[in-house]
Each structure stands twice: as C-alpha cells, then as structure tokens.
Protein backbone atom coordinates (compact mmCIF):
# COMPACT_ATOMS: atom_id res chain seq x y z
CA UNK A 1 -18.04 4.03 -12.81
CA UNK A 2 -19.42 0.75 -11.46
CA UNK A 3 -21.56 -1.48 -13.61
CA UNK A 4 -23.52 -2.95 -10.71
CA UNK A 5 -24.37 -1.59 -7.25
CA UNK A 6 -22.47 -4.53 -5.68
CA UNK A 7 -19.28 -3.28 -7.33
CA UNK A 8 -19.37 -0.28 -5.00
CA UNK A 9 -19.28 -2.41 -1.84
CA UNK A 10 -16.14 -2.64 0.22
CA UNK A 11 -14.42 -6.06 0.32
CA UNK A 12 -16.20 -8.49 2.65
CA UNK A 13 -12.93 -9.60 4.26
CA UNK A 14 -12.16 -6.01 5.26
CA UNK A 15 -15.66 -5.45 6.65
CA UNK A 16 -15.51 -8.73 8.60
CA UNK A 17 -12.13 -7.81 10.13
CA UNK A 18 -13.36 -4.34 11.15
CA UNK A 19 -16.49 -5.81 12.71
CA UNK A 20 -14.48 -8.43 14.65
CA UNK A 21 -12.14 -5.73 15.98
CA UNK A 22 -15.10 -3.58 17.08
CA UNK A 23 -17.09 -6.31 18.85
CA UNK A 24 -16.18 -8.01 22.13
CA UNK A 25 -14.93 -11.59 22.02
CA UNK A 26 -17.63 -14.21 21.72
CA UNK A 27 -20.12 -11.94 19.94
CA UNK A 28 -21.24 -13.20 16.56
CA UNK A 29 -22.82 -11.29 13.70
CA UNK A 30 -25.20 -12.66 11.11
CA UNK A 31 -24.47 -12.65 7.41
CA UNK A 32 -27.35 -10.21 6.85
CA UNK A 33 -25.99 -7.79 9.45
CA UNK A 34 -22.53 -7.99 7.91
CA UNK A 35 -24.04 -7.26 4.50
CA UNK A 36 -25.99 -4.28 5.87
CA UNK A 37 -22.87 -2.86 7.52
CA UNK A 38 -20.97 -3.34 4.27
CA UNK A 39 -23.59 -1.43 2.27
CA UNK A 40 -23.76 1.32 4.89
CA UNK A 41 -19.96 1.69 4.88
CA UNK A 42 -19.95 1.86 1.10
CA UNK A 43 -22.64 4.55 1.08
CA UNK A 44 -20.70 6.51 3.69
CA UNK A 45 -17.49 6.33 1.63
CA UNK A 46 -19.32 7.42 -1.52
CA UNK A 47 -20.99 10.32 0.29
CA UNK A 48 -17.71 11.44 1.89
CA UNK A 49 -15.97 11.20 -1.48
CA UNK A 50 -18.69 13.26 -3.13
CA UNK A 51 -18.44 15.97 -0.46
CA UNK A 52 -14.64 15.98 -0.67
CA UNK A 53 -14.89 16.22 -4.46
CA UNK A 54 -17.02 19.36 -4.06
CA UNK A 55 -14.22 20.95 -2.04
CA UNK A 56 -11.66 19.98 -4.68
CA UNK A 57 -13.84 21.44 -7.43
CA UNK A 58 -14.20 24.69 -5.46
CA UNK A 59 -10.42 24.81 -5.38
CA UNK A 60 -10.38 24.17 -9.16
CA UNK A 61 -8.58 20.86 -8.67
CA UNK A 62 -9.30 17.38 -9.96
CA UNK A 63 -7.37 15.59 -7.25
CA UNK A 64 -8.82 15.09 -3.79
CA UNK A 65 -6.42 15.71 -0.92
CA UNK A 66 -6.52 15.12 2.82
CA UNK A 67 -7.77 18.66 3.45
CA UNK A 68 -10.76 18.02 1.19
CA UNK A 69 -11.65 14.89 3.13
CA UNK A 70 -11.31 16.65 6.48
CA UNK A 71 -13.47 19.53 5.25
CA UNK A 72 -16.04 17.04 3.99
CA UNK A 73 -16.15 15.33 7.38
CA UNK A 74 -16.85 18.68 9.04
CA UNK A 75 -19.55 19.50 6.50
CA UNK A 76 -21.15 16.10 7.10
CA UNK A 77 -21.15 16.92 10.82
CA UNK A 78 -18.69 14.22 11.85
CA UNK A 79 -16.60 16.55 14.01
CA UNK A 80 -15.99 13.87 16.60
CA UNK A 81 -13.90 12.00 14.03
CA UNK A 82 -11.72 15.00 13.22
CA UNK A 83 -9.13 14.49 15.97
CA UNK A 84 -8.59 10.75 15.27
CA UNK A 85 -8.47 11.43 11.53
CA UNK A 86 -5.88 14.18 11.93
CA UNK A 87 -3.80 11.97 14.22
CA UNK A 88 -3.96 9.09 11.73
CA UNK A 89 -3.01 11.44 8.91
CA UNK A 90 0.00 12.70 10.88
CA UNK A 91 1.13 9.14 11.61
CA UNK A 92 0.75 8.25 7.93
CA UNK A 93 2.76 11.31 6.84
CA UNK A 94 5.54 10.50 9.33
CA UNK A 95 5.69 6.92 8.06
CA UNK A 96 5.85 8.10 4.45
CA UNK A 97 8.57 10.61 5.31
CA UNK A 98 10.53 7.88 7.08
CA UNK A 99 10.18 5.57 4.08
CA UNK A 100 11.27 8.35 1.74
CA UNK A 101 14.34 9.09 3.87
CA UNK A 102 15.14 5.37 4.08
CA UNK A 103 14.98 5.14 0.27
CA UNK A 104 17.30 8.15 -0.04
CA UNK A 105 19.74 6.60 2.43
CA UNK A 106 19.56 3.30 0.57
CA UNK A 107 20.16 5.05 -2.76
CA UNK A 108 23.11 6.99 -1.30
CA UNK A 109 24.54 3.78 0.13
CA UNK A 110 24.07 1.99 -3.20
CA UNK A 111 25.77 4.87 -5.04
CA UNK A 112 28.61 4.84 -2.53
CA UNK A 113 29.02 1.07 -2.86
CA UNK A 114 28.91 1.39 -6.64
CA UNK A 115 31.65 4.03 -6.52
CA UNK A 116 33.71 1.85 -4.18
CA UNK A 117 33.25 -1.11 -6.51
CA UNK A 118 34.23 1.04 -9.47
CA UNK A 119 37.35 2.19 -7.61
CA UNK A 120 38.21 -1.41 -6.72
CA UNK A 121 37.84 -2.41 -10.38
CA UNK A 122 40.07 0.47 -11.40
CA UNK A 123 42.64 -0.61 -8.81
CA UNK A 124 42.39 -4.22 -10.04
CA UNK A 125 42.98 -3.01 -13.59
CA UNK A 126 46.01 -1.03 -12.40
CA UNK A 127 47.31 -4.08 -10.52
CA UNK A 128 46.90 -6.23 -13.64
CA UNK A 129 48.76 -3.67 -15.74
CA UNK A 130 51.55 -3.57 -13.18
CA UNK A 131 51.76 -7.38 -13.15
CA UNK A 132 51.95 -7.40 -16.95
CA UNK A 133 54.73 -4.82 -16.85
CA UNK A 134 56.79 -6.63 -14.19
CA UNK A 135 57.73 -9.65 -16.35
CA UNK A 136 58.89 -7.27 -19.06
CA UNK A 137 61.22 -5.60 -16.56
CA UNK A 138 62.72 -8.96 -15.63
CA UNK A 139 63.32 -9.83 -19.28
CA UNK A 140 65.23 -6.62 -19.71
CA UNK A 141 67.38 -7.40 -16.71
CA UNK A 142 68.19 -10.89 -18.04
CA UNK A 143 69.30 -9.62 -21.44
C-alpha cells in the first residue's frame, strides 16, 4: 500500500482542474482549501473503494467491477449520484465498444491490404517470369 498518507492523495493538478470547473469565473480558492478538498476527495475514493471491495468479496471475486462501485454508492447513501454515474458508465462503454469495432475494422483493412499486396507481389513475380521467358522464345525463333 502507500508508504505515506500523502501518497494516497489525488494529483493536485486534477483537483485544481475539478475545482476550477465547479466554481464560477473570478472565484479564487486558497491553497489550504485546495489541500483540504484534495484530502477529502482521497478519503472518499478510499471509502468507496473499500465498500466496493466488500461487494466483490461477497461475490467471491478479487476484481472490482462497475456494479460493485454502484452498489457501494447506494450503501454509502449517495443515491443522487446513481443516475449520473450510470449515464457516464454507459457513455464509457459505448466509447470502448466503438474503439473496439474501429480496431477490428482497422485490422480487417490491414489484413485485406496485406492480402492485396501479397497478390500484387505474386503477380509481379509472374510478370517477371513471363518477361524472362519471352527472350527465350525470341531466341528460338531466330535459330
């Protein structure tokens, strides 16, 4: 696990960006407040992870999944976040599915191009053989 409590904190750049997006323009936040929010966010993530881990253990699994996290959020009484979380999860899954399909299409296209290239090379080899044979035919005619 972590050697120091600070190792468990979320990256400051991420926390700062989230805070800036949440606050209206022109509102500043002190370094102490940013640090407190960072620690609170880290504690929340650790608590949610621990609760989700309990659901995974009940299912005799070692890997946490999205269902475990959603169940943990309900257990922690964060029901108001359930709808946005489920929507975000659905968007993420659609994006991943799209990426997976794009990779398959790219692989199919690469295979097709490779086959075409192989066919072209075979045709080039055939053309070279034919060119080599043509001079021999002419020699026979001359004799």
